Amino acid sequence: MREILGDYEPRGRTIQGVGKFIAFGLDDPFHITTVTGLTLYGVGKLMESRSVYGLRRAKVDIALSMMELRNVVRELTSLKVS
């Protein structure tokens, strides 16, 4: 049942965020923080690729696509032709 439902978001997103912060936010190029941050980011990407894409994520993706489509239509209808 868990494989069918899946997760709401891919696993590893938090680890990726922490890795990005450590690698780029601490601004310590070519030192241990950069290597550690990029390693954590890579682990997060690996976890994300192994997460289950199920009904929950499909529902969230469809809702986001519909919201973006509504925004585009709203922008197009609000444009004035001169």
C-alpha atoms as a PDB file:
ATOM      1  CA  MET A   1       0.000   0.000   0.000  1.00  0.00           C
ATOM      2  CA  ARG A   2       2.864   2.382   0.786  1.00  0.00           C
ATOM      3  CA  GLU A   3       4.287   1.924  -2.731  1.00  0.00           C
ATOM      4  CA  ILE A   4       0.937   2.888  -4.244  1.00  0.00           C
ATOM      5  CA  LEU A   5       0.418   5.979  -2.079  1.00  0.00           C
ATOM      6  CA  GLY A   6       4.037   7.120  -2.045  1.00  0.00           C
ATOM      7  CA  ASP A   7       5.252  10.224  -0.231  1.00  0.00           C
ATOM      8  CA  TYR A   8       4.072  13.828  -0.393  1.00  0.00           C
ATOM      9  CA  GLU A   9       7.512  15.016  -1.417  1.00  0.00           C
ATOM     10  CA  PRO A  10      10.711  13.244  -2.402  1.00  0.00           C
ATOM     11  CA  ARG A  11      12.915  12.056   0.410  1.00  0.00           C
ATOM     12  CA  GLY A  12      16.209  13.808   0.908  1.00  0.00           C
ATOM     13  CA  ARG A  13      15.064  17.391   0.320  1.00  0.00           C
ATOM     14  CA  THR A  14      16.016  18.445   3.854  1.00  0.00           C
ATOM     15  CA  ILE A  15      19.444  16.859   3.555  1.00  0.00           C
ATOM     16  CA  GLN A  16      19.959  18.620   0.225  1.00  0.00           C
ATOM     17  CA  GLY A  17      19.089  21.951   1.814  1.00  0.00           C
ATOM     18  CA  VAL A  18      21.506  21.400   4.668  1.00  0.00           C
ATOM     19  CA  GLY A  19      24.201  20.351   2.213  1.00  0.00           C
ATOM     20  CA  LYS A  20      23.684  23.464   0.087  1.00  0.00           C
ATOM     21  CA  PHE A  21      23.835  25.663   3.159  1.00  0.00           C
ATOM     22  CA  ILE A  22      27.045  24.083   4.419  1.00  0.00           C
ATOM     23  CA  ALA A  23      28.729  24.090   1.002  1.00  0.00           C
ATOM     24  CA  PHE A  24      27.724  27.524  -0.256  1.00  0.00           C
ATOM     25  CA  GLY A  25      26.377  29.427   2.736  1.00  0.00           C
ATOM     26  CA  LEU A  26      29.415  29.119   4.945  1.00  0.00           C
ATOM     27  CA  ASP A  27      31.602  30.490   2.119  1.00  0.00           C
ATOM     28  CA  ASP A  28      34.707  28.461   2.861  1.00  0.00           C
ATOM     29  CA  PRO A  29      35.931  27.334  -0.581  1.00  0.00           C
ATOM     30  CA  PHE A  30      38.089  24.236  -0.929  1.00  0.00           C
ATOM     31  CA  HIS A  31      37.908  23.313   2.730  1.00  0.00           C
ATOM     32  CA  ILE A  32      36.189  20.622   4.714  1.00  0.00           C
ATOM     33  CA  THR A  33      32.856  22.471   4.845  1.00  0.00           C
ATOM     34  CA  THR A  34      32.606  22.509   1.055  1.00  0.00           C
ATOM     35  CA  VAL A  35      33.389  18.807   0.773  1.00  0.00           C
ATOM     36  CA  THR A  36      30.989  17.939   3.598  1.00  0.00           C
ATOM     37  CA  GLY A  37      28.207  20.068   2.139  1.00  0.00           C
ATOM     38  CA  LEU A  38      28.547  18.641  -1.346  1.00  0.00           C
ATOM     39  CA  THR A  39      28.634  15.111   0.089  1.00  0.00           C
ATOM     40  CA  LEU A  40      25.423  15.733   2.015  1.00  0.00           C
ATOM     41  CA  TYR A  41      23.822  17.212  -1.084  1.00  0.00           C
ATOM     42  CA  GLY A  42      24.819  14.132  -3.096  1.00  0.00           C
ATOM     43  CA  VAL A  43      23.356  11.822  -0.465  1.00  0.00           C
ATOM     44  CA  GLY A  44      20.122  13.827  -0.556  1.00  0.00           C
ATOM     45  CA  LYS A  45      19.968  13.559  -4.364  1.00  0.00           C
ATOM     46  CA  LEU A  46      20.477   9.800  -4.119  1.00  0.00           C
ATOM     47  CA  MET A  47      17.678   9.520  -1.564  1.00  0.00           C
ATOM     48  CA  GLU A  48      15.439  11.658  -3.781  1.00  0.00           C
ATOM     49  CA  SER A  49      15.999   9.403  -6.776  1.00  0.00           C
ATOM     50  CA  ARG A  50      15.016   6.363  -4.718  1.00  0.00           C
ATOM     51  CA  SER A  51      11.813   7.834  -3.286  1.00  0.00           C
ATOM     52  CA  VAL A  52       8.496   6.398  -4.402  1.00  0.00           C
ATOM     53  CA  TYR A  53       6.409   8.436  -6.832  1.00  0.00           C
ATOM     54  CA  GLY A  54       2.896   7.488  -5.841  1.00  0.00           C
ATOM     55  CA  LEU A  55      -0.610   8.839  -5.827  1.00  0.00           C
ATOM     56  CA  ARG A  56       0.136  11.509  -3.212  1.00  0.00           C
ATOM     57  CA  ARG A  57       2.936  13.152  -5.189  1.00  0.00           C
ATOM     58  CA  ALA A  58       0.949  12.832  -8.400  1.00  0.00           C
ATOM     59  CA  LYS A  59      -1.952  14.650  -6.749  1.00  0.00           C
ATOM     60  CA  VAL A  60       0.354  17.423  -5.513  1.00  0.00           C
ATOM     61  CA  ASP A  61       2.010  17.739  -8.947  1.00  0.00           C
ATOM     62  CA  ILE A  62      -1.357  17.948 -10.696  1.00  0.00           C
ATOM     63  CA  ALA A  63      -2.573  20.596  -8.242  1.00  0.00           C
ATOM     64  CA  LEU A  64       0.591  22.665  -8.782  1.00  0.00           C
ATOM     65  CA  SER A  65       0.254  22.359 -12.564  1.00  0.00           C
ATOM     66  CA  MET A  66      -3.367  23.471 -12.427  1.00  0.00           C
ATOM     67  CA  MET A  67      -2.446  26.458 -10.251  1.00  0.00           C
ATOM     68  CA  GLU A  68       0.317  27.474 -12.687  1.00  0.00           C
ATOM     69  CA  LEU A  69      -2.085  27.111 -15.615  1.00  0.00           C
ATOM     70  CA  ARG A  70      -4.650  29.328 -13.877  1.00  0.00           C
ATOM     71  CA  ASN A  71      -1.982  31.961 -13.253  1.00  0.00           C
ATOM     72  CA  VAL A  72      -0.906  31.922 -16.903  1.00  0.00           C
ATOM     73  CA  VAL A  73      -4.516  32.231 -18.096  1.00  0.00           C
ATOM     74  CA  ARG A  74      -5.117  35.069 -15.618  1.00  0.00           C
ATOM     75  CA  GLU A  75      -2.015  36.888 -16.900  1.00  0.00           C
ATOM     76  CA  LEU A  76      -3.040  36.398 -20.512  1.00  0.00           C
ATOM     77  CA  THR A  77      -6.545  37.695 -19.921  1.00  0.00           C
ATOM     78  CA  SER A  78      -5.253  40.725 -18.073  1.00  0.00           C
ATOM     79  CA  LEU A  79      -2.987  41.806 -20.955  1.00  0.00           C
ATOM     80  CA  LYS A  80      -4.350  44.729 -22.923  1.00  0.00           C
ATOM     81  CA  VAL A  81      -3.921  44.744 -26.653  1.00  0.00           C
ATOM     82  CA  SER A  82      -2.947  48.180 -27.934  1.00  0.00           C
END
